[in-house]
PDB file of N, CA and C in Angstrom:
ATOM      1  N   SER A   1      -3.400  -9.405  10.037  1.00  0.00           N
ATOM      2  CA  SER A   1      -3.545  -8.483  11.147  1.00  0.00           C
ATOM      3  C   SER A   1      -4.470  -9.093  12.193  1.00  0.00           C
ATOM      4  N   GLU A   2      -4.257  -8.738  13.446  1.00  0.00           N
ATOM      5  CA  GLU A   2      -5.071  -9.273  14.547  1.00  0.00           C
ATOM      6  C   GLU A   2      -6.272  -8.372  14.777  1.00  0.00           C
ATOM      7  N   ASP A   3      -7.406  -8.983  15.082  1.00  0.00           N
ATOM      8  CA  ASP A   3      -8.646  -8.246  15.224  1.00  0.00           C
ATOM      9  C   ASP A   3      -9.577  -9.036  16.138  1.00  0.00           C
ATOM     10  N   VAL A   4     -10.671  -8.423  16.554  1.00  0.00           N
ATOM     11  CA  VAL A   4     -11.717  -9.111  17.306  1.00  0.00           C
ATOM     12  C   VAL A   4     -12.943  -9.177  16.414  1.00  0.00           C
ATOM     13  N   LEU A   5     -13.504 -10.357  16.303  1.00  0.00           N
ATOM     14  CA  LEU A   5     -14.634 -10.579  15.405  1.00  0.00           C
ATOM     15  C   LEU A   5     -15.877  -9.865  15.927  1.00  0.00           C
ATOM     16  N   SER A   6     -16.515  -9.066  15.067  1.00  0.00           N
ATOM     17  CA  SER A   6     -17.671  -8.274  15.487  1.00  0.00           C
ATOM     18  C   SER A   6     -18.993  -9.024  15.333  1.00  0.00           C
ATOM     19  N   LYS A   7     -18.993 -10.127  14.568  1.00  0.00           N
ATOM     20  CA  LYS A   7     -20.205 -10.949  14.437  1.00  0.00           C
ATOM     21  C   LYS A   7     -19.796 -12.369  14.052  1.00  0.00           C
ATOM     22  N   ASP A   8     -20.663 -13.330  14.300  1.00  0.00           N
ATOM     23  CA  ASP A   8     -20.385 -14.715  13.946  1.00  0.00           C
ATOM     24  C   ASP A   8     -20.060 -14.801  12.455  1.00  0.00           C
ATOM     25  N   ALA A   9     -19.122 -15.706  12.103  1.00  0.00           N
ATOM     26  CA  ALA A   9     -18.667 -15.744  10.709  1.00  0.00           C
ATOM     27  C   ALA A   9     -18.426 -17.158  10.192  1.00  0.00           C
ATOM     28  N   GLY A  10     -19.280 -18.105  10.529  1.00  0.00           N
ATOM     29  CA  GLY A  10     -19.114 -19.461  10.015  1.00  0.00           C
ATOM     30  C   GLY A  10     -18.042 -20.219  10.777  1.00  0.00           C
ATOM     31  N   GLU A  11     -17.400 -21.184  10.097  1.00  0.00           N
ATOM     32  CA  GLU A  11     -16.412 -21.990  10.798  1.00  0.00           C
ATOM     33  C   GLU A  11     -15.000 -21.714  10.319  1.00  0.00           C
ATOM     34  N   CYS A  12     -14.053 -21.924  11.219  1.00  0.00           N
ATOM     35  CA  CYS A  12     -12.637 -21.800  10.913  1.00  0.00           C
ATOM     36  C   CYS A  12     -12.244 -22.993  10.046  1.00  0.00           C
ATOM     37  N   ALA A  13     -11.615 -22.746   8.905  1.00  0.00           N
ATOM     38  CA  ALA A  13     -11.246 -23.813   7.985  1.00  0.00           C
ATOM     39  C   ALA A  13     -10.121 -24.692   8.524  1.00  0.00           C
ATOM     40  N   ILE A  14      -9.463 -24.265   9.595  1.00  0.00           N
ATOM     41  CA  ILE A  14      -8.375 -25.064  10.160  1.00  0.00           C
ATOM     42  C   ILE A  14      -8.897 -26.013  11.236  1.00  0.00           C
ATOM     43  N   CYS A  15      -9.589 -25.488  12.253  1.00  0.00           N
ATOM     44  CA  CYS A  15     -10.042 -26.336  13.369  1.00  0.00           C
ATOM     45  C   CYS A  15     -11.496 -26.772  13.226  1.00  0.00           C
ATOM     46  N   LEU A  16     -12.231 -26.151  12.316  1.00  0.00           N
ATOM     47  CA  LEU A  16     -13.642 -26.444  12.054  1.00  0.00           C
ATOM     48  C   LEU A  16     -14.581 -26.037  13.187  1.00  0.00           C
ATOM     49  N   GLU A  17     -14.075 -25.260  14.158  1.00  0.00           N
ATOM     50  CA  GLU A  17     -14.922 -24.685  15.205  1.00  0.00           C
ATOM     51  C   GLU A  17     -15.522 -23.381  14.670  1.00  0.00           C
ATOM     52  N   GLU A  18     -16.654 -22.994  15.215  1.00  0.00           N
ATOM     53  CA  GLU A  18     -17.314 -21.766  14.783  1.00  0.00           C
ATOM     54  C   GLU A  18     -16.477 -20.537  15.134  1.00  0.00           C
ATOM     55  N   LEU A  19     -16.438 -19.580  14.226  1.00  0.00           N
ATOM     56  CA  LEU A  19     -15.860 -18.263  14.488  1.00  0.00           C
ATOM     57  C   LEU A  19     -16.989 -17.421  15.069  1.00  0.00           C
ATOM     58  N   GLN A  20     -16.867 -17.079  16.350  1.00  0.00           N
ATOM     59  CA  GLN A  20     -17.964 -16.417  17.037  1.00  0.00           C
ATOM     60  C   GLN A  20     -17.605 -14.992  17.431  1.00  0.00           C
ATOM     61  N   GLN A  21     -18.627 -14.162  17.530  1.00  0.00           N
ATOM     62  CA  GLN A  21     -18.452 -12.776  17.942  1.00  0.00           C
ATOM     63  C   GLN A  21     -17.583 -12.724  19.198  1.00  0.00           C
ATOM     64  N   GLY A  22     -16.583 -11.852  19.181  1.00  0.00           N
ATOM     65  CA  GLY A  22     -15.686 -11.686  20.316  1.00  0.00           C
ATOM     66  C   GLY A  22     -14.410 -12.514  20.223  1.00  0.00           C
ATOM     67  N   ASP A  23     -14.351 -13.482  19.303  1.00  0.00           N
ATOM     68  CA  ASP A  23     -13.127 -14.279  19.116  1.00  0.00           C
ATOM     69  C   ASP A  23     -12.008 -13.388  18.601  1.00  0.00           C
ATOM     70  N   THR A  24     -10.785 -13.668  19.036  1.00  0.00           N
ATOM     71  CA  THR A  24      -9.622 -12.997  18.470  1.00  0.00           C
ATOM     72  C   THR A  24      -9.278 -13.728  17.191  1.00  0.00           C
ATOM     73  N   ILE A  25      -9.136 -12.961  16.116  1.00  0.00           N
ATOM     74  CA  ILE A  25      -8.896 -13.562  14.799  1.00  0.00           C
ATOM     75  C   ILE A  25      -7.693 -12.921  14.121  1.00  0.00           C
ATOM     76  N   ALA A  26      -7.191 -13.608  13.126  1.00  0.00           N
ATOM     77  CA  ALA A  26      -6.204 -13.040  12.216  1.00  0.00           C
ATOM     78  C   ALA A  26      -6.903 -12.892  10.872  1.00  0.00           C
ATOM     79  N   ARG A  27      -6.776 -11.719  10.272  1.00  0.00           N
ATOM     80  CA  ARG A  27      -7.350 -11.466   8.947  1.00  0.00           C
ATOM     81  C   ARG A  27      -6.177 -11.381   7.972  1.00  0.00           C
ATOM     82  N   LEU A  28      -6.125 -12.326   7.043  1.00  0.00           N
ATOM     83  CA  LEU A  28      -5.024 -12.381   6.080  1.00  0.00           C
ATOM     84  C   LEU A  28      -5.257 -11.396   4.937  1.00  0.00           C
ATOM     85  N   PRO A  29      -4.223 -11.108   4.139  1.00  0.00           N
ATOM     86  CA  PRO A  29      -4.395 -10.176   3.011  1.00  0.00           C
ATOM     87  C   PRO A  29      -5.493 -10.599   2.029  1.00  0.00           C
ATOM     88  N   CYS A  30      -5.754 -11.898   1.927  1.00  0.00           N
ATOM     89  CA  CYS A  30      -6.818 -12.388   1.037  1.00  0.00           C
ATOM     90  C   CYS A  30      -8.202 -12.220   1.672  1.00  0.00           C
ATOM     91  N   LEU A  31      -8.247 -11.681   2.908  1.00  0.00           N
ATOM     92  CA  LEU A  31      -9.445 -11.420   3.698  1.00  0.00           C
ATOM     93  C   LEU A  31     -10.028 -12.651   4.383  1.00  0.00           C
ATOM     94  N   CYS A  32      -9.374 -13.799   4.287  1.00  0.00           N
ATOM     95  CA  CYS A  32      -9.796 -14.977   5.048  1.00  0.00           C
ATOM     96  C   CYS A  32      -9.505 -14.723   6.526  1.00  0.00           C
ATOM     97  N   ILE A  33     -10.324 -15.308   7.406  1.00  0.00           N
ATOM     98  CA  ILE A  33     -10.114 -15.126   8.843  1.00  0.00           C
ATOM     99  C   ILE A  33     -10.018 -16.474   9.546  1.00  0.00           C
ATOM    100  N   TYR A  34      -9.194 -16.505  10.593  1.00  0.00           N
ATOM    101  CA  TYR A  34      -8.943 -17.715  11.374  1.00  0.00           C
ATOM    102  C   TYR A  34      -8.758 -17.323  12.829  1.00  0.00           C
ATOM    103  N   HIS A  35      -8.924 -18.300  13.734  1.00  0.00           N
ATOM    104  CA  HIS A  35      -8.663 -18.047  15.156  1.00  0.00           C
ATOM    105  C   HIS A  35      -7.209 -17.655  15.363  1.00  0.00           C
ATOM    106  N   LYS A  36      -6.986 -16.741  16.303  1.00  0.00           N
ATOM    107  CA  LYS A  36      -5.638 -16.329  16.683  1.00  0.00           C
ATOM    108  C   LYS A  36      -5.602 -16.220  18.192  1.00  0.00           C
ATOM    109  N   GLY A  37      -4.455 -16.505  18.780  1.00  0.00           N
ATOM    110  CA  GLY A  37      -4.359 -16.458  20.239  1.00  0.00           C
ATOM    111  C   GLY A  37      -5.013 -17.681  20.847  1.00  0.00           C
ATOM    112  N   GLN A  38      -5.425 -17.598  22.106  1.00  0.00           N
ATOM    113  CA  GLN A  38      -6.046 -18.745  22.752  1.00  0.00           C
ATOM    114  C   GLN A  38      -7.400 -19.038  22.129  1.00  0.00           C
ATOM    115  N   VAL A  39      -7.700 -20.310  21.979  1.00  0.00           N
ATOM    116  CA  VAL A  39      -8.930 -20.747  21.329  1.00  0.00           C
ATOM    117  C   VAL A  39      -9.869 -21.330  22.377  1.00  0.00           C
ATOM    118  N   PHE A  40     -11.150 -21.043  22.248  1.00  0.00           N
ATOM    119  CA  PHE A  40     -12.164 -21.608  23.127  1.00  0.00           C
ATOM    120  C   PHE A  40     -12.911 -22.679  22.338  1.00  0.00           C
ATOM    121  N   ILE A  41     -12.966 -23.886  22.887  1.00  0.00           N
ATOM    122  CA  ILE A  41     -13.634 -24.983  22.198  1.00  0.00           C
ATOM    123  C   ILE A  41     -14.915 -25.334  22.946  1.00  0.00           C
ATOM    124  N   ARG A  42     -15.999 -25.484  22.221  1.00  0.00           N
ATOM    125  CA  ARG A  42     -17.290 -25.816  22.814  1.00  0.00           C
ATOM    126  C   ARG A  42     -17.328 -27.315  23.100  1.00  0.00           C
ATOM    127  N   MET A  43     -17.619 -27.666  24.351  1.00  0.00           N
ATOM    128  CA  MET A  43     -17.758 -29.068  24.723  1.00  0.00           C
ATOM    129  C   MET A  43     -18.968 -29.196  25.645  1.00  0.00           C
ATOM    130  N   ASP A  44     -19.937 -30.014  25.248  1.00  0.00           N
ATOM    131  CA  ASP A  44     -21.136 -30.228  26.044  1.00  0.00           C
ATOM    132  C   ASP A  44     -21.820 -28.917  26.423  1.00  0.00           C
ATOM    133  N   MET A  45     -21.957 -28.029  25.457  1.00  0.00           N
ATOM    134  CA  MET A  45     -22.642 -26.753  25.639  1.00  0.00           C
ATOM    135  C   MET A  45     -21.951 -25.815  26.623  1.00  0.00           C
ATOM    136  N   THR A  46     -20.709 -26.083  26.980  1.00  0.00           N
ATOM    137  CA  THR A  46     -19.933 -25.176  27.816  1.00  0.00           C
ATOM    138  C   THR A  46     -18.663 -24.832  27.055  1.00  0.00           C
ATOM    139  N   PHE A  47     -18.010 -23.782  27.456  1.00  0.00           N
ATOM    140  CA  PHE A  47     -16.754 -23.417  26.824  1.00  0.00           C
ATOM    141  C   PHE A  47     -15.621 -23.786  27.760  1.00  0.00           C
ATOM    142  N   GLN A  48     -14.642 -24.486  27.234  1.00  0.00           N
ATOM    143  CA  GLN A  48     -13.456 -24.811  28.003  1.00  0.00           C
ATOM    144  C   GLN A  48     -12.284 -24.106  27.343  1.00  0.00           C
ATOM    145  N   LYS A  49     -11.511 -23.404  28.134  1.00  0.00           N
ATOM    146  CA  LYS A  49     -10.370 -22.670  27.601  1.00  0.00           C
ATOM    147  C   LYS A  49      -9.243 -23.647  27.304  1.00  0.00           C
ATOM    148  N   VAL A  50      -8.735 -23.601  26.118  1.00  0.00           N
ATOM    149  CA  VAL A  50      -7.647 -24.474  25.716  1.00  0.00           C
ATOM    150  C   VAL A  50      -6.404 -23.609  25.564  1.00  0.00           C
ATOM    151  N   ALA A  51      -5.381 -23.917  26.296  1.00  0.00           N
ATOM    152  CA  ALA A  51      -4.170 -23.091  26.310  1.00  0.00           C
ATOM    153  C   ALA A  51      -3.208 -23.542  25.218  1.00  0.00           C
ATOM    154  N   PHE A  52      -3.476 -23.129  24.008  1.00  0.00           N
ATOM    155  CA  PHE A  52      -2.540 -23.334  22.912  1.00  0.00           C
ATOM    156  C   PHE A  52      -2.693 -22.193  21.933  1.00  0.00           C
ATOM    157  N   MET A  53      -1.736 -22.080  21.039  1.00  0.00           N
ATOM    158  CA  MET A  53      -1.793 -20.983  20.074  1.00  0.00           C
ATOM    159  C   MET A  53      -3.005 -21.141  19.178  1.00  0.00           C
ATOM    160  N   GLY A  54      -3.451 -20.046  18.619  1.00  0.00           N
ATOM    161  CA  GLY A  54      -4.583 -20.069  17.705  1.00  0.00           C
ATOM    162  C   GLY A  54      -4.265 -20.842  16.440  1.00  0.00           C
ATOM    163  N   CYS A  55      -5.309 -21.183  15.739  1.00  0.00           N
ATOM    164  CA  CYS A  55      -5.199 -22.020  14.546  1.00  0.00           C
ATOM    165  C   CYS A  55      -4.182 -21.491  13.543  1.00  0.00           C
ATOM    166  N   ILE A  56      -4.286 -20.213  13.223  1.00  0.00           N
ATOM    167  CA  ILE A  56      -3.411 -19.669  12.179  1.00  0.00           C
ATOM    168  C   ILE A  56      -1.962 -19.594  12.646  1.00  0.00           C
ATOM    169  N   ASP A  57      -1.749 -19.406  13.957  1.00  0.00           N
ATOM    170  CA  ASP A  57      -0.383 -19.387  14.484  1.00  0.00           C
ATOM    171  C   ASP A  57       0.282 -20.741  14.257  1.00  0.00           C
ATOM    172  N   GLU A  58      -0.437 -21.819  14.589  1.00  0.00           N
ATOM    173  CA  GLU A  58       0.104 -23.164  14.393  1.00  0.00           C
ATOM    174  C   GLU A  58       0.276 -23.467  12.909  1.00  0.00           C
ATOM    175  N   TRP A  59      -0.679 -23.042  12.096  1.00  0.00           N
ATOM    176  CA  TRP A  59      -0.601 -23.273  10.645  1.00  0.00           C
ATOM    177  C   TRP A  59       0.664 -22.639  10.081  1.00  0.00           C
ATOM    178  N   PHE A  60       0.942 -21.392  10.477  1.00  0.00           N
ATOM    179  CA  PHE A  60       2.095 -20.676   9.939  1.00  0.00           C
ATOM    180  C   PHE A  60       3.432 -21.193  10.456  1.00  0.00           C
ATOM    181  N   GLU A  61       3.423 -22.057  11.468  1.00  0.00           N
ATOM    182  CA  GLU A  61       4.678 -22.672  11.894  1.00  0.00           C
ATOM    183  C   GLU A  61       5.218 -23.611  10.824  1.00  0.00           C
ATOM    184  N   VAL A  62       4.333 -24.177   9.988  1.00  0.00           N
ATOM    185  CA  VAL A  62       4.768 -25.125   8.951  1.00  0.00           C
ATOM    186  C   VAL A  62       4.351 -24.720   7.539  1.00  0.00           C
ATOM    187  N   ASN A  63       3.537 -23.684   7.399  1.00  0.00           N
ATOM    188  CA  ASN A  63       3.057 -23.238   6.086  1.00  0.00           C
ATOM    189  C   ASN A  63       3.244 -21.735   5.955  1.00  0.00           C
ATOM    190  N   ARG A  64       3.350 -21.251   4.731  1.00  0.00           N
ATOM    191  CA  ARG A  64       3.533 -19.816   4.497  1.00  0.00           C
ATOM    192  C   ARG A  64       2.425 -19.225   3.648  1.00  0.00           C
ATOM    193  N   SER A  65       1.294 -19.916   3.524  1.00  0.00           N
ATOM    194  CA  SER A  65       0.207 -19.391   2.700  1.00  0.00           C
ATOM    195  C   SER A  65      -1.131 -19.617   3.394  1.00  0.00           C
ATOM    196  N   CYS A  66      -2.148 -18.977   2.886  1.00  0.00           N
ATOM    197  CA  CYS A  66      -3.506 -19.141   3.396  1.00  0.00           C
ATOM    198  C   CYS A  66      -3.952 -20.601   3.165  1.00  0.00           C
ATOM    199  N   PRO A  67      -4.576 -21.232   4.145  1.00  0.00           N
ATOM    200  CA  PRO A  67      -5.045 -22.608   3.961  1.00  0.00           C
ATOM    201  C   PRO A  67      -6.057 -22.745   2.817  1.00  0.00           C
ATOM    202  N   GLU A  68      -6.799 -21.687   2.551  1.00  0.00           N
ATOM    203  CA  GLU A  68      -7.826 -21.749   1.500  1.00  0.00           C
ATOM    204  C   GLU A  68      -7.339 -21.204   0.160  1.00  0.00           C
ATOM    205  N   HIS A  69      -6.197 -20.505   0.158  1.00  0.00           N
ATOM    206  CA  HIS A  69      -5.636 -19.920  -1.065  1.00  0.00           C
ATOM    207  C   HIS A  69      -4.139 -20.193  -1.121  1.00  0.00           C
ATOM    208  N   PRO A  70      -3.726 -21.448  -1.223  1.00  0.00           N
ATOM    209  CA  PRO A  70      -2.290 -21.771  -1.141  1.00  0.00           C
ATOM    210  C   PRO A  70      -1.445 -21.173  -2.257  1.00  0.00           C
ATOM    211  N   SER A  71      -2.045 -20.792  -3.359  1.00  0.00           N
ATOM    212  CA  SER A  71      -1.238 -20.235  -4.458  1.00  0.00           C
ATOM    213  C   SER A  71      -1.069 -18.724  -4.365  1.00  0.00           C
ATOM    214  N   ASP A  72      -1.754 -18.074  -3.410  1.00  0.00           N
ATOM    215  CA  ASP A  72      -1.636 -16.598  -3.256  1.00  0.00           C
ATOM    216  C   ASP A  72      -0.346 -16.215  -2.577  1.00  0.00           C
TER     217      ASP A  72
END
């Protein structure tokens, strides 16, 4: 399901960027969370908008399971 992150939550296991408050995320049934929608990448202490699908969207184009729980 799609949601907005209410507090910082460590790093995304797909892109390794921080999951920060206000990011649009996907919460999987196993409760793992990943970036969804457009992703903002930190570069030189500024944020640059990157126009591509969120991490989990790209992951699900070639995979059908959670990156951290592939057997679920």
